[in-house]
Amino acid sequence: MEKTALYNFHKNLGAKFVPFAGYEMPIQYKDGIVKEHISTRLYAGFFDVSHMGQLFISGNKFSEDSLEKIIPLDFKEIKMNQSKYSFLINDEGGVIDDLIITRVEGGFNIILNAACKDNDIKEISKCLNTNSKYELKKELSLIALQGPKSESILESIVNGVKQLKFMNGGYFDFKGNKIYITRSGYTGEDGFEISIPNINVENFTKLLSDKGAKPIGLGARDTLRLEAGLCLYGHELNQNINPIQANLKWAISKRRREEGGFKGWENIKKDLQNGVSKIRIGVKPSGRIIAREGTKIFSSSNEEIGVITSGTFGPSVNSPVAMGYIKSKFSEINSKIFLEVRGKKHEAVVSKLPFYKKSYVK
């Protein structure tokens, strides 16, 4: 098991650790998942997400043309320091990984999911030409600060971050060191992701804590993202699901939806033109039933029509929430469905996403 640079810091805070994507990661701290969740929604929380990959690709026109073969974005449209959410696509149109890519001076920074990063780099390197260079920045940590007080807390430590707009970033000074900060996150709240050298990360995180931000583990990260209707790779996304089925058509640039030119385009084009046989939906179970991953979904006539991919209790909405895939003809909002939990069928409805209103700063 690998450890992040903050492992001992987490340990001293009383973190409970679990193995995740080859790392020992904090799932919760002393206050527990629900309190951590509420702290993030009402105030601010910080997350160690240093297990994720920070890949830098030196950029030129050839690099952009190469990346467009496997990432369905219009790279000419991405402005300096602007971030975009997108995917690595396989030959069938399935999602190898979802990612955030940011144009920076000299190229692109790409944030990759921890469990996928090694394979992602292999896939990306296959399409790059010999003039392009890439490097996984192992000397950098990644900290997410999320919640309505994130801006005021971070501005008191790093001057100028309040000027950032959502999905934009820039280099800032922290005690004489250059760090890169983007205004983004994975909770549905306003927030920032801070890329900082390993040698500076503990001092930086202590400052966040001193300013009142609470440490948040993977448990609350999952409940926060699920309330916000955000996908988790390996659950809502995998190599057999394409972005149209995942209800993420918007993450493919308009020009690329019209012209294609990337891997899997023929399959994605068919689904864009003809509709999909299954689609990602939100699910609101009745009562207090929690529908976990793998729960079967049935129609009113007892036909098996889908499966839950993520499910939990949403502390902010005070009810169970879930996402899953369902046959498209049953996907109308408020349609009654049934969930098979422990051998019994329980009522639920197809719900609009997100369950919790996102509070991003535009």
Protein backbone atom coordinates (compact mmCIF):
# COMPACT_ATOMS: atom_id res chain seq x y z
CA MET A 1 0.00 0.00 0.00
CA GLU A 2 1.26 3.46 -0.89
CA LYS A 3 0.81 6.41 1.44
CA THR A 4 0.30 10.08 0.61
CA ALA A 5 2.61 12.75 2.05
CA LEU A 6 -0.12 13.50 4.64
CA TYR A 7 -0.41 9.96 6.03
CA ASN A 8 1.03 10.82 9.48
CA PHE A 9 -1.00 14.04 9.56
CA HIS A 10 -4.19 12.01 9.06
CA LYS A 11 -3.08 9.48 11.66
CA ASN A 12 -2.56 12.22 14.25
CA LEU A 13 -6.09 13.45 13.57
CA GLY A 14 -7.47 10.01 14.43
CA ALA A 15 -8.31 8.96 10.88
CA LYS A 16 -9.69 5.51 10.16
CA PHE A 17 -7.86 4.16 7.08
CA VAL A 18 -9.03 1.87 4.28
CA PRO A 19 -7.22 0.53 1.21
CA PHE A 20 -8.28 2.50 -1.87
CA ALA A 21 -6.72 2.29 -5.35
CA GLY A 22 -3.46 0.99 -3.90
CA TYR A 23 -3.24 3.65 -1.17
CA GLU A 24 -4.01 3.76 2.54
CA MET A 25 -6.60 6.53 2.62
CA PRO A 26 -8.68 8.09 5.44
CA ILE A 27 -12.33 7.07 5.14
CA GLN A 28 -13.37 9.15 8.15
CA TYR A 29 -12.10 10.99 11.21
CA LYS A 30 -13.32 11.13 14.82
CA ASP A 31 -16.52 13.10 14.09
CA GLY A 32 -17.77 10.51 11.57
CA ILE A 33 -19.07 10.68 8.01
CA VAL A 34 -22.36 12.52 8.63
CA LYS A 35 -20.75 15.37 10.60
CA GLU A 36 -17.99 15.67 8.01
CA HIS A 37 -20.62 15.84 5.25
CA ILE A 38 -22.62 18.57 7.04
CA SER A 39 -19.44 20.55 7.87
CA THR A 40 -18.60 20.68 4.16
CA ARG A 41 -22.10 21.80 3.18
CA LEU A 42 -22.35 24.48 5.89
CA TYR A 43 -18.77 25.67 6.30
CA ALA A 44 -15.72 24.07 4.65
CA GLY A 45 -13.83 20.79 4.56
CA PHE A 46 -10.47 19.73 3.13
CA PHE A 47 -9.76 16.41 1.41
CA ASP A 48 -6.45 14.73 0.65
CA VAL A 49 -6.83 13.54 -2.95
CA SER A 50 -3.11 13.11 -3.60
CA HIS A 51 -3.70 9.52 -4.68
CA MET A 52 -5.06 10.89 -7.96
CA GLY A 53 -2.69 11.27 -10.91
CA GLN A 54 -1.35 14.68 -11.92
CA LEU A 55 -0.12 14.23 -15.48
CA PHE A 56 1.62 17.06 -17.35
CA ILE A 57 1.78 16.90 -21.16
CA SER A 58 3.99 19.39 -22.99
CA GLY A 59 1.69 20.98 -25.53
CA ASN A 60 1.93 21.98 -29.14
CA LYS A 61 -0.48 21.67 -32.06
CA PHE A 62 0.65 18.06 -32.59
CA SER A 63 -0.09 17.21 -28.95
CA GLU A 64 -3.57 18.72 -29.21
CA ASP A 65 -4.35 16.85 -32.43
CA SER A 66 -3.14 13.61 -30.81
CA LEU A 67 -5.19 14.11 -27.63
CA GLU A 68 -8.32 14.84 -29.68
CA LYS A 69 -8.20 11.23 -30.90
CA ILE A 70 -9.01 9.89 -27.43
CA ILE A 71 -10.48 12.90 -25.57
CA PRO A 72 -13.66 14.29 -27.23
CA LEU A 73 -12.94 17.97 -26.56
CA ASP A 74 -12.34 20.87 -28.93
CA PHE A 75 -8.83 21.70 -27.74
CA LYS A 76 -8.73 24.95 -29.72
CA GLU A 77 -11.55 26.24 -27.51
CA ILE A 78 -9.77 25.62 -24.19
CA LYS A 79 -8.38 28.96 -22.97
CA MET A 80 -5.23 29.39 -20.90
CA ASN A 81 -5.85 28.19 -17.31
CA GLN A 82 -9.33 26.92 -18.21
CA SER A 83 -10.36 23.44 -17.03
CA LYS A 84 -12.70 21.02 -18.83
CA TYR A 85 -14.33 17.80 -17.67
CA SER A 86 -14.10 14.98 -20.21
CA PHE A 87 -13.11 11.35 -20.80
CA LEU A 88 -10.57 8.99 -22.27
CA ILE A 89 -12.55 6.95 -24.82
CA ASN A 90 -11.88 3.40 -26.06
CA ASP A 91 -12.47 1.95 -29.53
CA GLU A 92 -16.10 1.10 -28.72
CA GLY A 93 -16.88 4.53 -27.22
CA GLY A 94 -16.66 3.30 -23.61
CA VAL A 95 -15.09 5.41 -20.88
CA ILE A 96 -11.53 4.39 -19.97
CA ASP A 97 -11.54 7.16 -17.35
CA ASP A 98 -13.13 10.51 -16.66
CA LEU A 99 -10.75 13.40 -16.07
CA ILE A 100 -10.22 17.13 -15.69
CA ILE A 101 -7.86 18.73 -18.21
CA THR A 102 -6.46 22.26 -17.80
CA ARG A 103 -4.46 24.27 -20.33
CA VAL A 104 -1.40 25.69 -18.58
CA GLU A 105 1.74 27.43 -19.77
CA GLY A 106 3.62 24.94 -21.93
CA GLY A 107 0.91 22.31 -22.19
CA PHE A 108 -1.84 20.58 -20.23
CA ASN A 109 -2.37 19.30 -16.71
CA ILE A 110 -4.67 16.26 -16.53
CA ILE A 111 -6.12 14.95 -13.25
CA LEU A 112 -6.65 11.18 -13.49
CA ASN A 113 -8.51 8.81 -11.19
CA ALA A 114 -6.21 6.94 -8.82
CA ALA A 115 -7.22 3.40 -9.82
CA CYS A 116 -6.95 4.21 -13.54
CA LYS A 117 -3.88 6.45 -13.77
CA ASP A 118 -1.29 3.85 -14.80
CA ASN A 119 -3.49 2.48 -17.59
CA ASP A 120 -4.53 6.02 -18.58
CA ILE A 121 -0.90 7.01 -19.11
CA LYS A 122 -0.35 3.96 -21.34
CA GLU A 123 -3.40 4.88 -23.43
CA ILE A 124 -2.41 8.54 -23.71
CA SER A 125 1.21 7.71 -24.57
CA LYS A 126 0.04 5.48 -27.45
CA CYS A 127 -1.60 8.41 -29.22
CA LEU A 128 1.08 11.06 -28.60
CA ASN A 129 3.70 11.76 -31.26
CA THR A 130 7.42 11.54 -30.56
CA ASN A 131 7.71 15.31 -30.02
CA SER A 132 5.31 15.26 -27.07
CA LYS A 133 6.56 14.66 -23.54
CA TYR A 134 4.53 13.59 -20.52
CA GLU A 135 5.28 13.25 -16.82
CA LEU A 136 3.32 11.99 -13.81
CA LYS A 137 4.09 14.56 -11.11
CA LYS A 138 4.72 12.35 -8.08
CA GLU A 139 6.39 15.19 -6.18
CA LEU A 140 3.03 17.02 -5.96
CA SER A 141 0.12 16.54 -3.55
CA LEU A 142 -3.47 17.49 -4.34
CA ILE A 143 -5.78 19.01 -1.73
CA ALA A 144 -9.47 19.81 -2.28
CA LEU A 145 -11.04 22.56 -0.17
CA GLN A 146 -14.82 22.51 -0.50
CA GLY A 147 -17.77 24.39 0.99
CA PRO A 148 -19.31 27.88 1.19
CA LYS A 149 -16.47 29.27 3.34
CA SER A 150 -13.74 27.90 1.05
CA GLU A 151 -13.10 31.21 -0.67
CA SER A 152 -12.63 33.27 2.50
CA ILE A 153 -10.45 30.58 4.14
CA LEU A 154 -8.19 30.13 1.12
CA GLU A 155 -7.97 33.86 0.38
CA SER A 156 -6.63 34.42 3.93
CA ILE A 157 -3.78 31.99 3.12
CA VAL A 158 -3.22 32.59 -0.61
CA ASN A 159 -3.91 36.11 -1.81
CA GLY A 160 -5.91 36.49 -5.05
CA VAL A 161 -7.75 33.17 -5.28
CA LYS A 162 -11.14 34.86 -4.84
CA GLN A 163 -10.76 36.23 -8.37
CA LEU A 164 -10.90 32.72 -9.89
CA LYS A 165 -14.05 31.71 -11.76
CA PHE A 166 -15.47 28.17 -11.74
CA MET A 167 -13.35 25.73 -13.80
CA ASN A 168 -10.47 28.20 -14.09
CA GLY A 169 -7.10 28.19 -12.36
CA GLY A 170 -3.73 29.85 -12.02
CA TYR A 171 -0.36 29.89 -10.30
CA PHE A 172 -0.20 31.50 -6.87
CA ASP A 173 2.46 32.15 -4.24
CA PHE A 174 2.50 30.21 -0.96
CA LYS A 175 5.40 31.21 1.29
CA GLY A 176 7.71 31.76 -1.67
CA ASN A 177 6.63 28.59 -3.49
CA LYS A 178 4.60 28.45 -6.71
CA ILE A 179 1.41 26.38 -6.39
CA TYR A 180 -1.40 25.79 -8.90
CA ILE A 181 -5.02 26.29 -7.83
CA THR A 182 -8.22 25.62 -9.77
CA ARG A 183 -11.74 26.56 -8.73
CA SER A 184 -13.44 23.18 -8.97
CA GLY A 185 -14.37 20.12 -6.94
CA TYR A 186 -16.45 17.02 -6.48
CA THR A 187 -19.06 17.90 -3.84
CA GLY A 188 -21.55 20.23 -5.50
CA GLU A 189 -20.15 23.12 -3.42
CA ASP A 190 -17.94 26.04 -4.30
CA GLY A 191 -14.35 25.04 -3.76
CA PHE A 192 -10.77 24.72 -4.95
CA GLU A 193 -8.20 22.06 -5.78
CA ILE A 194 -4.65 22.91 -4.80
CA SER A 195 -1.62 21.24 -6.41
CA ILE A 196 1.28 21.75 -4.02
CA PRO A 197 4.75 20.20 -3.52
CA ASN A 198 4.79 17.30 -1.06
CA ILE A 199 7.30 19.13 1.12
CA ASN A 200 4.87 22.06 1.67
CA VAL A 201 1.56 20.20 1.92
CA GLU A 202 1.50 19.53 5.67
CA ASN A 203 2.13 23.16 6.59
CA PHE A 204 -0.51 24.24 4.10
CA THR A 205 -3.09 21.76 5.41
CA LYS A 206 -2.42 22.79 9.03
CA LEU A 207 -3.23 26.37 8.03
CA LEU A 208 -6.55 25.24 6.51
CA SER A 209 -7.32 23.46 9.78
CA ASP A 210 -6.32 26.50 11.87
CA LYS A 211 -8.75 28.62 9.80
CA GLY A 212 -11.62 26.26 10.67
CA ALA A 213 -11.79 23.85 7.71
CA LYS A 214 -12.48 20.29 8.89
CA PRO A 215 -10.66 17.17 7.61
CA ILE A 216 -12.96 15.07 5.42
CA GLY A 217 -12.48 11.42 4.46
CA LEU A 218 -13.50 9.31 1.48
CA GLY A 219 -16.80 8.35 3.14
CA ALA A 220 -18.21 11.88 3.13
CA ARG A 221 -16.63 12.58 -0.25
CA ASP A 222 -18.84 9.80 -1.61
CA THR A 223 -22.08 10.99 0.06
CA LEU A 224 -21.41 14.58 -1.07
CA ARG A 225 -20.76 13.63 -4.72
CA LEU A 226 -23.79 11.33 -4.83
CA GLU A 227 -26.14 14.05 -3.54
CA ALA A 228 -24.68 16.30 -6.26
CA GLY A 229 -25.40 13.63 -8.92
CA LEU A 230 -21.71 13.25 -9.85
CA CYS A 231 -20.37 10.02 -11.34
CA LEU A 232 -17.75 7.79 -9.73
CA TYR A 233 -15.54 5.79 -12.05
CA GLY A 234 -16.05 2.05 -11.58
CA HIS A 235 -19.68 2.69 -10.57
CA GLU A 236 -21.50 5.02 -12.99
CA LEU A 237 -18.68 4.91 -15.54
CA ASN A 238 -16.62 2.07 -16.99
CA GLN A 239 -15.27 0.78 -20.31
CA ASN A 240 -18.67 -0.66 -21.29
CA ILE A 241 -20.60 2.59 -20.75
CA ASN A 242 -20.34 5.54 -23.12
CA PRO A 243 -20.91 9.23 -22.24
CA ILE A 244 -24.35 9.33 -23.91
CA GLN A 245 -25.63 6.44 -21.79
CA ALA A 246 -24.13 8.17 -18.75
CA ASN A 247 -26.20 11.29 -19.52
CA LEU A 248 -22.98 13.27 -20.00
CA LYS A 249 -23.40 14.34 -23.62
CA TRP A 250 -22.59 17.92 -22.55
CA ALA A 251 -19.00 16.85 -21.72
CA ILE A 252 -18.32 16.15 -25.41
CA SER A 253 -17.58 19.46 -27.17
CA LYS A 254 -20.23 20.62 -29.68
CA ARG A 255 -17.86 20.40 -32.66
CA ARG A 256 -16.81 16.87 -31.70
CA ARG A 257 -20.48 15.77 -31.39
CA GLU A 258 -20.98 16.98 -34.95
CA GLU A 259 -17.69 15.94 -36.58
CA GLY A 260 -16.43 13.02 -34.46
CA GLY A 261 -12.85 12.11 -35.25
CA PHE A 262 -12.18 10.31 -31.97
CA LYS A 263 -12.13 6.67 -30.91
CA GLY A 264 -15.55 5.02 -30.63
CA TRP A 265 -17.20 7.79 -32.66
CA GLU A 266 -19.39 5.44 -34.72
CA ASN A 267 -21.05 3.94 -31.63
CA ILE A 268 -21.45 7.33 -29.96
CA LYS A 269 -22.85 8.80 -33.19
CA LYS A 270 -25.50 6.05 -33.32
CA ASP A 271 -26.57 6.77 -29.75
CA LEU A 272 -26.69 10.52 -30.42
CA GLN A 273 -28.88 9.98 -33.50
CA ASN A 274 -31.08 7.07 -32.39
CA GLY A 275 -31.15 7.36 -28.59
CA VAL A 276 -29.78 4.88 -26.06
CA SER A 277 -31.21 1.60 -24.84
CA LYS A 278 -30.19 2.36 -21.22
CA ILE A 279 -29.46 5.61 -19.43
CA ARG A 280 -28.16 6.86 -16.07
CA ILE A 281 -30.88 8.12 -13.73
CA GLY A 282 -31.38 9.36 -10.20
CA VAL A 283 -33.44 7.17 -7.87
CA LYS A 284 -35.33 8.23 -4.72
CA PRO A 285 -36.31 5.16 -2.64
CA SER A 286 -39.40 5.47 -0.46
CA GLY A 287 -38.98 5.37 3.30
CA ARG A 288 -35.49 4.74 4.66
CA ILE A 289 -34.43 1.86 2.41
CA ILE A 290 -30.83 2.17 1.18
CA ALA A 291 -30.33 0.68 -2.30
CA ARG A 292 -26.65 -0.20 -2.60
CA GLU A 293 -24.62 -0.92 -5.73
CA GLY A 294 -25.92 -4.02 -7.51
CA THR A 295 -29.56 -3.61 -6.35
CA LYS A 296 -31.89 -4.73 -9.14
CA ILE A 297 -34.52 -2.33 -10.50
CA PHE A 298 -37.96 -3.55 -11.60
CA SER A 299 -40.92 -1.98 -13.40
CA SER A 300 -44.49 -1.89 -12.07
CA SER A 301 -45.15 -5.02 -14.14
CA ASN A 302 -42.25 -6.82 -12.43
CA GLU A 303 -39.87 -6.66 -15.41
CA GLU A 304 -36.21 -6.34 -14.47
CA ILE A 305 -35.20 -3.04 -16.08
CA GLY A 306 -31.92 -1.91 -14.53
CA VAL A 307 -29.43 -1.84 -11.69
CA ILE A 308 -28.24 0.59 -9.02
CA THR A 309 -24.62 1.73 -9.35
CA SER A 310 -24.35 3.88 -6.17
CA GLY A 311 -26.62 4.33 -3.20
CA THR A 312 -26.43 5.91 0.26
CA PHE A 313 -28.29 8.07 2.78
CA GLY A 314 -28.03 11.75 1.85
CA PRO A 315 -27.52 13.78 5.05
CA SER A 316 -28.28 17.13 3.36
CA VAL A 317 -31.51 15.94 1.75
CA ASN A 318 -32.41 13.72 4.74
CA SER A 319 -33.37 10.74 2.61
CA PRO A 320 -31.86 7.81 0.74
CA VAL A 321 -30.50 8.62 -2.72
CA ALA A 322 -29.15 6.43 -5.50
CA MET A 323 -28.07 6.41 -9.13
CA GLY A 324 -28.23 3.61 -11.64
CA TYR A 325 -28.91 2.54 -15.21
CA ILE A 326 -32.38 1.77 -16.49
CA LYS A 327 -33.99 0.89 -19.83
CA SER A 328 -34.63 4.25 -21.44
CA LYS A 329 -38.38 3.77 -21.94
CA PHE A 330 -38.79 3.65 -18.12
CA SER A 331 -36.61 6.71 -17.41
CA GLU A 332 -39.27 9.46 -17.28
CA ILE A 333 -38.95 11.58 -14.12
CA ASN A 334 -41.32 10.50 -11.31
CA SER A 335 -41.94 7.08 -12.91
CA LYS A 336 -42.63 4.48 -10.24
CA ILE A 337 -40.05 1.68 -10.01
CA PHE A 338 -39.22 -1.06 -7.50
CA LEU A 339 -35.92 -1.93 -5.84
CA GLU A 340 -35.11 -5.44 -4.68
CA VAL A 341 -33.39 -5.13 -1.30
CA ARG A 342 -32.75 -8.25 0.79
CA GLY A 343 -35.26 -10.27 -1.22
CA LYS A 344 -38.14 -7.76 -0.94
CA LYS A 345 -39.28 -5.17 -3.47
CA HIS A 346 -39.57 -1.57 -2.28
CA GLU A 347 -41.15 1.41 -4.04
CA ALA A 348 -39.01 4.19 -5.50
CA VAL A 349 -39.27 6.87 -8.19
CA VAL A 350 -37.01 8.04 -10.99
CA SER A 351 -35.63 11.38 -9.78
CA LYS A 352 -34.14 14.48 -11.35
CA LEU A 353 -30.42 14.96 -10.78
CA PRO A 354 -28.84 16.44 -8.77
CA PHE A 355 -30.61 15.59 -5.51
CA TYR A 356 -28.88 18.56 -3.87
CA LYS A 357 -28.65 21.92 -5.65
CA LYS A 358 -25.09 22.62 -6.73
CA SER A 359 -23.58 25.87 -5.46
CA TYR A 360 -20.77 26.62 -7.91
CA VAL A 361 -19.48 30.17 -8.43
CA LYS A 362 -19.77 31.11 -12.12
